[in-house]
């Protein structure tokens, strides 16, 4: 996992960034991986991947969808809540919620986090 994150920092290839998003989506499906992914710092990368229509300046809408689905998976684990909040995920989610392709995932992430007072305040 650490090697994927170092690839993100050193590599400017769009295809590698999108492949890393897909890898994090797969890894985030397992409950045992959720806290590890958050701990090693993948959440800011995933938030950045979904915050715009592109990943690394030209990515696909599939990459955005995959990043949001991975963030949903990670938001299920309470251990990741501080990491998600520290990335200012709420403004990002509120920007992309109008995209009908991903709105279901956006609302699901928000519903997992809204019990946290900081998230509730940011949403309101």
PDB file of N, CA and C in Angstrom:
ATOM      1  N   UNK A   1       0.827  -1.188   0.000  1.00  0.00           N
ATOM      2  CA  UNK A   1       0.000   0.000   0.000  1.00  0.00           C
ATOM      3  C   UNK A   1       0.873   1.254   0.000  1.00  0.00           C
ATOM      4  N   UNK A   2       1.920   1.216   0.782  1.00  0.00           N
ATOM      5  CA  UNK A   2       2.818   2.363   0.835  1.00  0.00           C
ATOM      6  C   UNK A   2       3.446   2.616  -0.527  1.00  0.00           C
ATOM      7  N   UNK A   3       3.756   1.545  -1.268  1.00  0.00           N
ATOM      8  CA  UNK A   3       4.363   1.696  -2.584  1.00  0.00           C
ATOM      9  C   UNK A   3       3.389   2.343  -3.566  1.00  0.00           C
ATOM     10  N   UNK A   4       2.091   2.026  -3.453  1.00  0.00           N
ATOM     11  CA  UNK A   4       1.104   2.674  -4.331  1.00  0.00           C
ATOM     12  C   UNK A   4       1.071   4.163  -4.054  1.00  0.00           C
ATOM     13  N   UNK A   5       1.106   4.543  -2.785  1.00  0.00           N
ATOM     14  CA  UNK A   5       1.067   5.957  -2.441  1.00  0.00           C
ATOM     15  C   UNK A   5       2.323   6.678  -2.900  1.00  0.00           C
ATOM     16  N   UNK A   6       3.468   6.018  -2.847  1.00  0.00           N
ATOM     17  CA  UNK A   6       4.678   6.665  -3.333  1.00  0.00           C
ATOM     18  C   UNK A   6       4.650   6.789  -4.853  1.00  0.00           C
ATOM     19  N   UNK A   7       3.980   5.872  -5.537  1.00  0.00           N
ATOM     20  CA  UNK A   7       3.800   6.001  -6.984  1.00  0.00           C
ATOM     21  C   UNK A   7       2.964   7.230  -7.322  1.00  0.00           C
ATOM     22  N   UNK A   8       1.968   7.498  -6.512  1.00  0.00           N
ATOM     23  CA  UNK A   8       1.108   8.661  -6.733  1.00  0.00           C
ATOM     24  C   UNK A   8       1.948   9.931  -6.708  1.00  0.00           C
ATOM     25  N   UNK A   9       2.850  10.020  -5.745  1.00  0.00           N
ATOM     26  CA  UNK A   9       3.664  11.214  -5.583  1.00  0.00           C
ATOM     27  C   UNK A   9       4.720  11.351  -6.670  1.00  0.00           C
ATOM     28  N   UNK A  10       5.248  10.230  -7.144  1.00  0.00           N
ATOM     29  CA  UNK A  10       6.353  10.301  -8.094  1.00  0.00           C
ATOM     30  C   UNK A  10       5.915  10.163  -9.549  1.00  0.00           C
ATOM     31  N   UNK A  11       4.753   9.668  -9.783  1.00  0.00           N
ATOM     32  CA  UNK A  11       4.312   9.344 -11.136  1.00  0.00           C
ATOM     33  C   UNK A  11       3.247  10.335 -11.589  1.00  0.00           C
ATOM     34  N   UNK A  12       3.354  10.804 -12.799  1.00  0.00           N
ATOM     35  CA  UNK A  12       2.357  11.726 -13.324  1.00  0.00           C
ATOM     36  C   UNK A  12       1.451  11.061 -14.352  1.00  0.00           C
ATOM     37  N   UNK A  13       1.574   9.773 -14.512  1.00  0.00           N
ATOM     38  CA  UNK A  13       0.797   9.051 -15.503  1.00  0.00           C
ATOM     39  C   UNK A  13      -0.661   8.918 -15.074  1.00  0.00           C
ATOM     40  N   UNK A  14      -1.536   9.325 -15.950  1.00  0.00           N
ATOM     41  CA  UNK A  14      -2.970   9.243 -15.691  1.00  0.00           C
ATOM     42  C   UNK A  14      -3.410   7.803 -15.512  1.00  0.00           C
ATOM     43  N   UNK A  15      -2.927   6.911 -16.356  1.00  0.00           N
ATOM     44  CA  UNK A  15      -3.348   5.515 -16.277  1.00  0.00           C
ATOM     45  C   UNK A  15      -2.910   4.875 -14.962  1.00  0.00           C
ATOM     46  N   UNK A  16      -1.742   5.259 -14.446  1.00  0.00           N
ATOM     47  CA  UNK A  16      -1.295   4.719 -13.164  1.00  0.00           C
ATOM     48  C   UNK A  16      -2.164   5.259 -12.033  1.00  0.00           C
ATOM     49  N   UNK A  17      -2.504   6.533 -12.076  1.00  0.00           N
ATOM     50  CA  UNK A  17      -3.378   7.113 -11.047  1.00  0.00           C
ATOM     51  C   UNK A  17      -4.736   6.424 -11.028  1.00  0.00           C
ATOM     52  N   UNK A  18      -5.291   6.202 -12.207  1.00  0.00           N
ATOM     53  CA  UNK A  18      -6.590   5.529 -12.278  1.00  0.00           C
ATOM     54  C   UNK A  18      -6.494   4.085 -11.815  1.00  0.00           C
ATOM     55  N   UNK A  19      -5.397   3.409 -12.135  1.00  0.00           N
ATOM     56  CA  UNK A  19      -5.204   2.032 -11.681  1.00  0.00           C
ATOM     57  C   UNK A  19      -5.079   1.975 -10.160  1.00  0.00           C
ATOM     58  N   UNK A  20      -4.438   2.979  -9.579  1.00  0.00           N
ATOM     59  CA  UNK A  20      -4.309   3.019  -8.122  1.00  0.00           C
ATOM     60  C   UNK A  20      -5.671   3.240  -7.475  1.00  0.00           C
ATOM     61  N   UNK A  21      -6.504   4.073  -8.076  1.00  0.00           N
ATOM     62  CA  UNK A  21      -7.865   4.264  -7.564  1.00  0.00           C
ATOM     63  C   UNK A  21      -8.604   2.925  -7.558  1.00  0.00           C
ATOM     64  N   UNK A  22      -8.513   2.187  -8.652  1.00  0.00           N
ATOM     65  CA  UNK A  22      -9.186   0.883  -8.748  1.00  0.00           C
ATOM     66  C   UNK A  22      -8.633  -0.079  -7.693  1.00  0.00           C
ATOM     67  N   UNK A  23      -7.316  -0.061  -7.481  1.00  0.00           N
ATOM     68  CA  UNK A  23      -6.731  -0.920  -6.450  1.00  0.00           C
ATOM     69  C   UNK A  23      -7.261  -0.575  -5.069  1.00  0.00           C
ATOM     70  N   UNK A  24      -7.337   0.718  -4.769  1.00  0.00           N
ATOM     71  CA  UNK A  24      -7.876   1.106  -3.469  1.00  0.00           C
ATOM     72  C   UNK A  24      -9.351   0.720  -3.337  1.00  0.00           C
ATOM     73  N   UNK A  25     -10.081   0.778  -4.420  1.00  0.00           N
ATOM     74  CA  UNK A  25     -11.476   0.335  -4.375  1.00  0.00           C
ATOM     75  C   UNK A  25     -11.542  -1.142  -3.996  1.00  0.00           C
ATOM     76  N   UNK A  26     -10.745  -1.948  -4.644  1.00  0.00           N
ATOM     77  CA  UNK A  26     -10.734  -3.379  -4.329  1.00  0.00           C
ATOM     78  C   UNK A  26     -10.286  -3.667  -2.913  1.00  0.00           C
ATOM     79  N   UNK A  27      -9.216  -3.008  -2.490  1.00  0.00           N
ATOM     80  CA  UNK A  27      -8.707  -3.215  -1.137  1.00  0.00           C
ATOM     81  C   UNK A  27      -9.689  -2.735  -0.077  1.00  0.00           C
ATOM     82  N   UNK A  28     -10.398  -1.656  -0.364  1.00  0.00           N
ATOM     83  CA  UNK A  28     -11.314  -1.084   0.633  1.00  0.00           C
ATOM     84  C   UNK A  28     -12.556  -1.930   0.851  1.00  0.00           C
ATOM     85  N   UNK A  29     -12.773  -2.912   0.006  1.00  0.00           N
ATOM     86  CA  UNK A  29     -13.943  -3.780   0.173  1.00  0.00           C
ATOM     87  C   UNK A  29     -13.794  -4.710   1.376  1.00  0.00           C
ATOM     88  N   UNK A  30     -12.576  -4.987   1.772  1.00  0.00           N
ATOM     89  CA  UNK A  30     -12.339  -5.876   2.912  1.00  0.00           C
ATOM     90  C   UNK A  30     -12.274  -5.072   4.208  1.00  0.00           C
ATOM     91  N   UNK A  31     -13.059  -5.488   5.192  1.00  0.00           N
ATOM     92  CA  UNK A  31     -13.111  -4.766   6.462  1.00  0.00           C
ATOM     93  C   UNK A  31     -11.739  -4.630   7.108  1.00  0.00           C
ATOM     94  N   UNK A  32     -10.918  -5.652   7.011  1.00  0.00           N
ATOM     95  CA  UNK A  32      -9.602  -5.598   7.663  1.00  0.00           C
ATOM     96  C   UNK A  32      -8.682  -4.566   7.012  1.00  0.00           C
ATOM     97  N   UNK A  33      -8.930  -4.214   5.763  1.00  0.00           N
ATOM     98  CA  UNK A  33      -8.087  -3.240   5.068  1.00  0.00           C
ATOM     99  C   UNK A  33      -8.500  -1.791   5.314  1.00  0.00           C
ATOM    100  N   UNK A  34      -9.745  -1.563   5.683  1.00  0.00           N
ATOM    101  CA  UNK A  34     -10.272  -0.203   5.795  1.00  0.00           C
ATOM    102  C   UNK A  34      -9.417   0.695   6.701  1.00  0.00           C
ATOM    103  N   UNK A  35      -9.133   0.291   7.942  1.00  0.00           N
ATOM    104  CA  UNK A  35      -8.327   1.177   8.796  1.00  0.00           C
ATOM    105  C   UNK A  35      -6.888   1.324   8.310  1.00  0.00           C
ATOM    106  N   UNK A  36      -6.361   0.300   7.680  1.00  0.00           N
ATOM    107  CA  UNK A  36      -4.987   0.357   7.176  1.00  0.00           C
ATOM    108  C   UNK A  36      -4.875   1.384   6.053  1.00  0.00           C
ATOM    109  N   UNK A  37      -5.845   1.382   5.159  1.00  0.00           N
ATOM    110  CA  UNK A  37      -5.849   2.327   4.042  1.00  0.00           C
ATOM    111  C   UNK A  37      -5.900   3.760   4.563  1.00  0.00           C
ATOM    112  N   UNK A  38      -6.758   3.992   5.550  1.00  0.00           N
ATOM    113  CA  UNK A  38      -6.835   5.333   6.140  1.00  0.00           C
ATOM    114  C   UNK A  38      -5.551   5.722   6.829  1.00  0.00           C
ATOM    115  N   UNK A  39      -4.987   4.809   7.571  1.00  0.00           N
ATOM    116  CA  UNK A  39      -3.763   5.089   8.318  1.00  0.00           C
ATOM    117  C   UNK A  39      -2.604   5.446   7.395  1.00  0.00           C
ATOM    118  N   UNK A  40      -2.487   4.756   6.270  1.00  0.00           N
ATOM    119  CA  UNK A  40      -1.369   4.992   5.366  1.00  0.00           C
ATOM    120  C   UNK A  40      -1.572   6.196   4.447  1.00  0.00           C
ATOM    121  N   UNK A  41      -2.680   6.895   4.566  1.00  0.00           N
ATOM    122  CA  UNK A  41      -2.824   8.173   3.884  1.00  0.00           C
ATOM    123  C   UNK A  41      -3.405   8.148   2.490  1.00  0.00           C
ATOM    124  N   UNK A  42      -4.193   7.152   2.161  1.00  0.00           N
ATOM    125  CA  UNK A  42      -4.783   7.084   0.819  1.00  0.00           C
ATOM    126  C   UNK A  42      -6.009   7.979   0.671  1.00  0.00           C
ATOM    127  N   UNK A  43      -6.618   8.365   1.774  1.00  0.00           N
ATOM    128  CA  UNK A  43      -7.862   9.125   1.702  1.00  0.00           C
ATOM    129  C   UNK A  43      -7.696  10.463   0.985  1.00  0.00           C
ATOM    130  N   UNK A  44      -6.655  11.256   1.254  1.00  0.00           N
ATOM    131  CA  UNK A  44      -6.509  12.514   0.501  1.00  0.00           C
ATOM    132  C   UNK A  44      -6.410  12.293  -1.012  1.00  0.00           C
ATOM    133  N   UNK A  45      -5.733  11.238  -1.428  1.00  0.00           N
ATOM    134  CA  UNK A  45      -5.648  10.931  -2.848  1.00  0.00           C
ATOM    135  C   UNK A  45      -7.026  10.612  -3.418  1.00  0.00           C
ATOM    136  N   UNK A  46      -7.813   9.825  -2.695  1.00  0.00           N
ATOM    137  CA  UNK A  46      -9.149   9.463  -3.178  1.00  0.00           C
ATOM    138  C   UNK A  46     -10.083  10.670  -3.200  1.00  0.00           C
ATOM    139  N   UNK A  47      -9.961  11.544  -2.211  1.00  0.00           N
ATOM    140  CA  UNK A  47     -10.769  12.768  -2.205  1.00  0.00           C
ATOM    141  C   UNK A  47     -10.393  13.637  -3.394  1.00  0.00           C
ATOM    142  N   UNK A  48      -9.104  13.763  -3.661  1.00  0.00           N
ATOM    143  CA  UNK A  48      -8.662  14.548  -4.814  1.00  0.00           C
ATOM    144  C   UNK A  48      -9.163  13.928  -6.117  1.00  0.00           C
ATOM    145  N   UNK A  49      -9.215  12.604  -6.162  1.00  0.00           N
ATOM    146  CA  UNK A  49      -9.664  11.919  -7.370  1.00  0.00           C
ATOM    147  C   UNK A  49     -11.135  12.165  -7.656  1.00  0.00           C
ATOM    148  N   UNK A  50     -11.911  12.404  -6.618  1.00  0.00           N
ATOM    149  CA  UNK A  50     -13.344  12.627  -6.853  1.00  0.00           C
ATOM    150  C   UNK A  50     -13.725  14.097  -6.796  1.00  0.00           C
ATOM    151  N   UNK A  51     -12.807  14.963  -6.388  1.00  0.00           N
ATOM    152  CA  UNK A  51     -13.166  16.365  -6.203  1.00  0.00           C
ATOM    153  C   UNK A  51     -13.306  17.136  -7.505  1.00  0.00           C
ATOM    154  N   UNK A  52     -12.742  16.609  -8.553  1.00  0.00           N
ATOM    155  CA  UNK A  52     -12.897  17.250  -9.853  1.00  0.00           C
ATOM    156  C   UNK A  52     -13.322  16.194 -10.850  1.00  0.00           C
ATOM    157  N   UNK A  53     -13.562  16.614 -12.040  1.00  0.00           N
ATOM    158  CA  UNK A  53     -13.980  15.643 -13.049  1.00  0.00           C
ATOM    159  C   UNK A  53     -12.811  14.836 -13.563  1.00  0.00           C
ATOM    160  N   UNK A  54     -11.637  15.111 -13.030  1.00  0.00           N
ATOM    161  CA  UNK A  54     -10.455  14.424 -13.538  1.00  0.00           C
ATOM    162  C   UNK A  54      -9.609  13.865 -12.412  1.00  0.00           C
ATOM    163  N   UNK A  55      -8.842  12.871 -12.737  1.00  0.00           N
ATOM    164  CA  UNK A  55      -7.799  12.369 -11.867  1.00  0.00           C
ATOM    165  C   UNK A  55      -6.498  12.704 -12.564  1.00  0.00           C
ATOM    166  N   UNK A  56      -5.646  13.487 -11.925  1.00  0.00           N
ATOM    167  CA  UNK A  56      -4.377  13.908 -12.512  1.00  0.00           C
ATOM    168  C   UNK A  56      -4.580  14.599 -13.856  1.00  0.00           C
ATOM    169  N   UNK A  57      -5.586  15.473 -13.921  1.00  0.00           N
ATOM    170  CA  UNK A  57      -5.745  16.319 -15.088  1.00  0.00           C
ATOM    171  C   UNK A  57      -6.259  15.657 -16.340  1.00  0.00           C
ATOM    172  N   UNK A  58      -7.248  14.842 -16.277  1.00  0.00           N
ATOM    173  CA  UNK A  58      -7.810  14.278 -17.495  1.00  0.00           C
ATOM    174  C   UNK A  58      -8.375  12.891 -17.330  1.00  0.00           C
ATOM    175  N   UNK A  59      -8.644  12.495 -16.118  1.00  0.00           N
ATOM    176  CA  UNK A  59      -9.128  11.148 -15.862  1.00  0.00           C
ATOM    177  C   UNK A  59     -10.578  10.954 -16.236  1.00  0.00           C
ATOM    178  N   UNK A  60     -11.003   9.743 -16.119  1.00  0.00           N
ATOM    179  CA  UNK A  60     -12.343   9.365 -16.539  1.00  0.00           C
ATOM    180  C   UNK A  60     -13.362   9.554 -15.425  1.00  0.00           C
ATOM    181  N   UNK A  61     -14.629   9.592 -15.828  1.00  0.00           N
ATOM    182  CA  UNK A  61     -15.689   9.641 -14.825  1.00  0.00           C
ATOM    183  C   UNK A  61     -15.728   8.326 -14.057  1.00  0.00           C
ATOM    184  N   UNK A  62     -15.242   7.256 -14.658  1.00  0.00           N
ATOM    185  CA  UNK A  62     -15.172   5.969 -13.955  1.00  0.00           C
ATOM    186  C   UNK A  62     -14.206   6.060 -12.773  1.00  0.00           C
ATOM    187  N   UNK A  63     -13.120   6.789 -12.947  1.00  0.00           N
ATOM    188  CA  UNK A  63     -12.164   6.969 -11.853  1.00  0.00           C
ATOM    189  C   UNK A  63     -12.818   7.729 -10.699  1.00  0.00           C
ATOM    190  N   UNK A  64     -13.627   8.733 -11.018  1.00  0.00           N
ATOM    191  CA  UNK A  64     -14.349   9.481  -9.972  1.00  0.00           C
ATOM    192  C   UNK A  64     -15.316   8.547  -9.251  1.00  0.00           C
ATOM    193  N   UNK A  65     -16.042   7.766 -10.003  1.00  0.00           N
ATOM    194  CA  UNK A  65     -16.996   6.822  -9.424  1.00  0.00           C
ATOM    195  C   UNK A  65     -16.270   5.826  -8.517  1.00  0.00           C
ATOM    196  N   UNK A  66     -15.171   5.276  -8.989  1.00  0.00           N
ATOM    197  CA  UNK A  66     -14.404   4.312  -8.203  1.00  0.00           C
ATOM    198  C   UNK A  66     -13.857   4.943  -6.928  1.00  0.00           C
ATOM    199  N   UNK A  67     -13.378   6.179  -7.025  1.00  0.00           N
ATOM    200  CA  UNK A  67     -12.856   6.872  -5.851  1.00  0.00           C
ATOM    201  C   UNK A  67     -13.958   7.103  -4.820  1.00  0.00           C
ATOM    202  N   UNK A  68     -15.130   7.498  -5.275  1.00  0.00           N
ATOM    203  CA  UNK A  68     -16.245   7.715  -4.346  1.00  0.00           C
ATOM    204  C   UNK A  68     -16.704   6.409  -3.709  1.00  0.00           C
ATOM    205  N   UNK A  69     -16.717   5.351  -4.480  1.00  0.00           N
ATOM    206  CA  UNK A  69     -17.104   4.056  -3.922  1.00  0.00           C
ATOM    207  C   UNK A  69     -16.074   3.601  -2.883  1.00  0.00           C
ATOM    208  N   UNK A  70     -14.792   3.822  -3.156  1.00  0.00           N
ATOM    209  CA  UNK A  70     -13.751   3.491  -2.176  1.00  0.00           C
ATOM    210  C   UNK A  70     -13.913   4.347  -0.917  1.00  0.00           C
ATOM    211  N   UNK A  71     -14.226   5.630  -1.086  1.00  0.00           N
ATOM    212  CA  UNK A  71     -14.446   6.499   0.077  1.00  0.00           C
ATOM    213  C   UNK A  71     -15.650   6.040   0.886  1.00  0.00           C
ATOM    214  N   UNK A  72     -16.679   5.576   0.204  1.00  0.00           N
ATOM    215  CA  UNK A  72     -17.822   5.015   0.920  1.00  0.00           C
ATOM    216  C   UNK A  72     -17.380   3.813   1.746  1.00  0.00           C
ATOM    217  N   UNK A  73     -16.651   2.900   1.116  1.00  0.00           N
ATOM    218  CA  UNK A  73     -16.163   1.722   1.845  1.00  0.00           C
ATOM    219  C   UNK A  73     -15.353   2.134   3.063  1.00  0.00           C
ATOM    220  N   UNK A  74     -14.491   3.116   2.890  1.00  0.00           N
ATOM    221  CA  UNK A  74     -13.640   3.564   3.994  1.00  0.00           C
ATOM    222  C   UNK A  74     -14.441   4.283   5.072  1.00  0.00           C
ATOM    223  N   UNK A  75     -15.515   4.962   4.678  1.00  0.00           N
ATOM    224  CA  UNK A  75     -16.320   5.704   5.656  1.00  0.00           C
ATOM    225  C   UNK A  75     -17.102   4.780   6.584  1.00  0.00           C
ATOM    226  N   UNK A  76     -17.188   3.517   6.240  1.00  0.00           N
ATOM    227  CA  UNK A  76     -17.874   2.548   7.097  1.00  0.00           C
ATOM    228  C   UNK A  76     -17.069   2.296   8.369  1.00  0.00           C
ATOM    229  N   UNK A  77     -15.748   2.352   8.262  1.00  0.00           N
ATOM    230  CA  UNK A  77     -14.877   2.101   9.414  1.00  0.00           C
ATOM    231  C   UNK A  77     -14.715   3.375  10.242  1.00  0.00           C
ATOM    232  N   UNK A  78     -15.123   3.298  11.490  1.00  0.00           N
ATOM    233  CA  UNK A  78     -15.044   4.468  12.375  1.00  0.00           C
ATOM    234  C   UNK A  78     -13.608   4.979  12.522  1.00  0.00           C
ATOM    235  N   UNK A  79     -12.636   4.109  12.394  1.00  0.00           N
ATOM    236  CA  UNK A  79     -11.234   4.518  12.515  1.00  0.00           C
ATOM    237  C   UNK A  79     -10.835   5.519  11.435  1.00  0.00           C
ATOM    238  N   UNK A  80     -11.552   5.532  10.322  1.00  0.00           N
ATOM    239  CA  UNK A  80     -11.223   6.440   9.228  1.00  0.00           C
ATOM    240  C   UNK A  80     -11.909   7.797   9.335  1.00  0.00           C
ATOM    241  N   UNK A  81     -12.824   7.954  10.244  1.00  0.00           N
ATOM    242  CA  UNK A  81     -13.557   9.215  10.359  1.00  0.00           C
ATOM    243  C   UNK A  81     -12.624  10.415  10.518  1.00  0.00           C
ATOM    244  N   UNK A  82     -11.632  10.369  11.409  1.00  0.00           N
ATOM    245  CA  UNK A  82     -10.743  11.542  11.521  1.00  0.00           C
ATOM    246  C   UNK A  82      -9.981  11.838  10.229  1.00  0.00           C
ATOM    247  N   UNK A  83      -9.561  10.794   9.534  1.00  0.00           N
ATOM    248  CA  UNK A  83      -8.834  11.004   8.275  1.00  0.00           C
ATOM    249  C   UNK A  83      -9.737  11.632   7.220  1.00  0.00           C
ATOM    250  N   UNK A  84     -10.984  11.197   7.177  1.00  0.00           N
ATOM    251  CA  UNK A  84     -11.937  11.758   6.216  1.00  0.00           C
ATOM    252  C   UNK A  84     -12.247  13.214   6.540  1.00  0.00           C
ATOM    253  N   UNK A  85     -12.441  13.506   7.800  1.00  0.00           N
ATOM    254  CA  UNK A  85     -12.757  14.879   8.213  1.00  0.00           C
ATOM    255  C   UNK A  85     -11.576  15.807   7.938  1.00  0.00           C
ATOM    256  N   UNK A  86     -10.378  15.335   8.200  1.00  0.00           N
ATOM    257  CA  UNK A  86      -9.180  16.168   8.008  1.00  0.00           C
ATOM    258  C   UNK A  86      -8.906  16.492   6.547  1.00  0.00           C
ATOM    259  N   UNK A  87      -9.519  15.802   5.622  1.00  0.00           N
ATOM    260  CA  UNK A  87      -9.312  16.089   4.202  1.00  0.00           C
ATOM    261  C   UNK A  87     -10.316  17.110   3.683  1.00  0.00           C
ATOM    262  N   UNK A  88     -11.186  17.608   4.539  1.00  0.00           N
ATOM    263  CA  UNK A  88     -12.260  18.505   4.091  1.00  0.00           C
ATOM    264  C   UNK A  88     -13.088  17.840   3.000  1.00  0.00           C
ATOM    265  N   UNK A  89     -13.496  16.638   3.272  1.00  0.00           N
ATOM    266  CA  UNK A  89     -14.245  15.850   2.304  1.00  0.00           C
ATOM    267  C   UNK A  89     -15.632  16.436   2.032  1.00  0.00           C
ATOM    268  N   UNK A  90     -16.232  17.080   3.027  1.00  0.00           N
ATOM    269  CA  UNK A  90     -17.609  17.561   2.854  1.00  0.00           C
ATOM    270  C   UNK A  90     -17.730  18.580   1.727  1.00  0.00           C
ATOM    271  N   UNK A  91     -16.889  19.613   1.655  1.00  0.00           N
ATOM    272  CA  UNK A  91     -17.015  20.531   0.514  1.00  0.00           C
ATOM    273  C   UNK A  91     -16.867  19.818  -0.826  1.00  0.00           C
ATOM    274  N   UNK A  92     -15.956  18.873  -0.888  1.00  0.00           N
ATOM    275  CA  UNK A  92     -15.769  18.095  -2.113  1.00  0.00           C
ATOM    276  C   UNK A  92     -17.050  17.348  -2.465  1.00  0.00           C
ATOM    277  N   UNK A  93     -17.646  16.699  -1.492  1.00  0.00           N
ATOM    278  CA  UNK A  93     -18.861  15.920  -1.738  1.00  0.00           C
ATOM    279  C   UNK A  93     -20.027  16.813  -2.145  1.00  0.00           C
ATOM    280  N   UNK A  94     -20.125  17.976  -1.525  1.00  0.00           N
ATOM    281  CA  UNK A  94     -21.224  18.876  -1.859  1.00  0.00           C
ATOM    282  C   UNK A  94     -21.093  19.433  -3.273  1.00  0.00           C
ATOM    283  N   UNK A  95     -19.879  19.531  -3.771  1.00  0.00           N
ATOM    284  CA  UNK A  95     -19.668  19.988  -5.141  1.00  0.00           C
ATOM    285  C   UNK A  95     -20.100  18.921  -6.143  1.00  0.00           C
ATOM    286  N   UNK A  96     -19.780  17.658  -5.864  1.00  0.00           N
ATOM    287  CA  UNK A  96     -20.061  16.600  -6.838  1.00  0.00           C
ATOM    288  C   UNK A  96     -21.414  15.928  -6.657  1.00  0.00           C
ATOM    289  N   UNK A  97     -22.165  16.282  -5.623  1.00  0.00           N
ATOM    290  CA  UNK A  97     -23.449  15.615  -5.380  1.00  0.00           C
ATOM    291  C   UNK A  97     -24.439  15.825  -6.524  1.00  0.00           C
ATOM    292  N   UNK A  98     -24.297  16.899  -7.269  1.00  0.00           N
ATOM    293  CA  UNK A  98     -25.229  17.155  -8.373  1.00  0.00           C
ATOM    294  C   UNK A  98     -24.954  16.276  -9.592  1.00  0.00           C
ATOM    295  N   UNK A  99     -23.819  15.584  -9.607  1.00  0.00           N
ATOM    296  CA  UNK A  99     -23.501  14.663 -10.699  1.00  0.00           C
ATOM    297  C   UNK A  99     -24.288  13.376 -10.473  1.00  0.00           C
ATOM    298  N   UNK A 100     -25.297  13.153 -11.275  1.00  0.00           N
ATOM    299  CA  UNK A 100     -26.199  12.021 -11.076  1.00  0.00           C
ATOM    300  C   UNK A 100     -25.494  10.665 -11.167  1.00  0.00           C
ATOM    301  N   UNK A 101     -24.363  10.611 -11.857  1.00  0.00           N
ATOM    302  CA  UNK A 101     -23.627   9.354 -11.957  1.00  0.00           C
ATOM    303  C   UNK A 101     -23.052   8.913 -10.613  1.00  0.00           C
ATOM    304  N   UNK A 102     -22.759   9.862  -9.744  1.00  0.00           N
ATOM    305  CA  UNK A 102     -22.099   9.538  -8.479  1.00  0.00           C
ATOM    306  C   UNK A 102     -22.887   9.984  -7.252  1.00  0.00           C
ATOM    307  N   UNK A 103     -24.029  10.590  -7.433  1.00  0.00           N
ATOM    308  CA  UNK A 103     -24.752  11.162  -6.287  1.00  0.00           C
ATOM    309  C   UNK A 103     -25.117  10.117  -5.238  1.00  0.00           C
ATOM    310  N   UNK A 104     -25.400   8.899  -5.653  1.00  0.00           N
ATOM    311  CA  UNK A 104     -25.732   7.845  -4.689  1.00  0.00           C
ATOM    312  C   UNK A 104     -24.557   7.583  -3.742  1.00  0.00           C
ATOM    313  N   UNK A 105     -23.343   7.542  -4.292  1.00  0.00           N
ATOM    314  CA  UNK A 105     -22.164   7.303  -3.463  1.00  0.00           C
ATOM    315  C   UNK A 105     -21.876   8.511  -2.573  1.00  0.00           C
ATOM    316  N   UNK A 106     -22.057   9.705  -3.109  1.00  0.00           N
ATOM    317  CA  UNK A 106     -21.829  10.923  -2.326  1.00  0.00           C
ATOM    318  C   UNK A 106     -22.755  10.949  -1.112  1.00  0.00           C
ATOM    319  N   UNK A 107     -24.027  10.708  -1.346  1.00  0.00           N
ATOM    320  CA  UNK A 107     -24.992  10.733  -0.249  1.00  0.00           C
ATOM    321  C   UNK A 107     -24.735   9.615   0.752  1.00  0.00           C
ATOM    322  N   UNK A 108     -24.254   8.489   0.284  1.00  0.00           N
ATOM    323  CA  UNK A 108     -23.927   7.386   1.188  1.00  0.00           C
ATOM    324  C   UNK A 108     -22.751   7.734   2.091  1.00  0.00           C
ATOM    325  N   UNK A 109     -21.739   8.376   1.543  1.00  0.00           N
ATOM    326  CA  UNK A 109     -20.589   8.793   2.365  1.00  0.00           C
ATOM    327  C   UNK A 109     -21.045   9.818   3.390  1.00  0.00           C
ATOM    328  N   UNK A 110     -21.818  10.790   2.949  1.00  0.00           N
ATOM    329  CA  UNK A 110     -22.309  11.817   3.874  1.00  0.00           C
ATOM    330  C   UNK A 110     -23.132  11.179   4.988  1.00  0.00           C
ATOM    331  N   UNK A 111     -23.987  10.231   4.649  1.00  0.00           N
ATOM    332  CA  UNK A 111     -24.818   9.600   5.681  1.00  0.00           C
ATOM    333  C   UNK A 111     -23.979   8.810   6.675  1.00  0.00           C
ATOM    334  N   UNK A 112     -22.852   8.264   6.234  1.00  0.00           N
ATOM    335  CA  UNK A 112     -21.971   7.556   7.167  1.00  0.00           C
ATOM    336  C   UNK A 112     -21.232   8.511   8.096  1.00  0.00           C
ATOM    337  N   UNK A 113     -21.032   9.735   7.669  1.00  0.00           N
ATOM    338  CA  UNK A 113     -20.233  10.682   8.446  1.00  0.00           C
ATOM    339  C   UNK A 113     -21.045  11.721   9.200  1.00  0.00           C
ATOM    340  N   UNK A 114     -22.313  11.859   8.895  1.00  0.00           N
ATOM    341  CA  UNK A 114     -23.095  12.979   9.409  1.00  0.00           C
ATOM    342  C   UNK A 114     -23.290  12.928  10.929  1.00  0.00           C
ATOM    343  N   UNK A 115     -23.059  11.794  11.554  1.00  0.00           N
ATOM    344  CA  UNK A 115     -23.188  11.712  13.012  1.00  0.00           C
ATOM    345  C   UNK A 115     -22.063  12.451  13.735  1.00  0.00           C
ATOM    346  N   UNK A 116     -20.992  12.751  13.020  1.00  0.00           N
ATOM    347  CA  UNK A 116     -19.866  13.484  13.606  1.00  0.00           C
ATOM    348  C   UNK A 116     -20.210  14.970  13.588  1.00  0.00           C
ATOM    349  N   UNK A 117     -20.112  15.649  14.730  1.00  0.00           N
ATOM    350  CA  UNK A 117     -20.528  17.061  14.799  1.00  0.00           C
ATOM    351  C   UNK A 117     -19.863  17.960  13.752  1.00  0.00           C
ATOM    352  N   UNK A 118     -18.571  17.754  13.484  1.00  0.00           N
ATOM    353  CA  UNK A 118     -17.887  18.598  12.500  1.00  0.00           C
ATOM    354  C   UNK A 118     -18.484  18.419  11.102  1.00  0.00           C
ATOM    355  N   UNK A 119     -18.847  17.195  10.779  1.00  0.00           N
ATOM    356  CA  UNK A 119     -19.443  16.925   9.469  1.00  0.00           C
ATOM    357  C   UNK A 119     -20.842  17.515   9.422  1.00  0.00           C
ATOM    358  N   UNK A 120     -21.593  17.360  10.484  1.00  0.00           N
ATOM    359  CA  UNK A 120     -22.956  17.906  10.518  1.00  0.00           C
ATOM    360  C   UNK A 120     -22.910  19.425  10.300  1.00  0.00           C
ATOM    361  N   UNK A 121     -21.984  20.089  10.961  1.00  0.00           N
ATOM    362  CA  UNK A 121     -21.856  21.537  10.820  1.00  0.00           C
ATOM    363  C   UNK A 121     -21.458  21.900   9.390  1.00  0.00           C
ATOM    364  N   UNK A 122     -20.547  21.147   8.818  1.00  0.00           N
ATOM    365  CA  UNK A 122     -20.099  21.438   7.449  1.00  0.00           C
ATOM    366  C   UNK A 122     -21.220  21.226   6.445  1.00  0.00           C
ATOM    367  N   UNK A 123     -22.035  20.202   6.640  1.00  0.00           N
ATOM    368  CA  UNK A 123     -23.143  19.942   5.717  1.00  0.00           C
ATOM    369  C   UNK A 123     -24.204  21.019   5.850  1.00  0.00           C
ATOM    370  N   UNK A 124     -24.499  21.422   7.083  1.00  0.00           N
ATOM    371  CA  UNK A 124     -25.545  22.422   7.272  1.00  0.00           C
ATOM    372  C   UNK A 124     -25.051  23.785   6.856  1.00  0.00           C
TER     373      UNK A 124
END
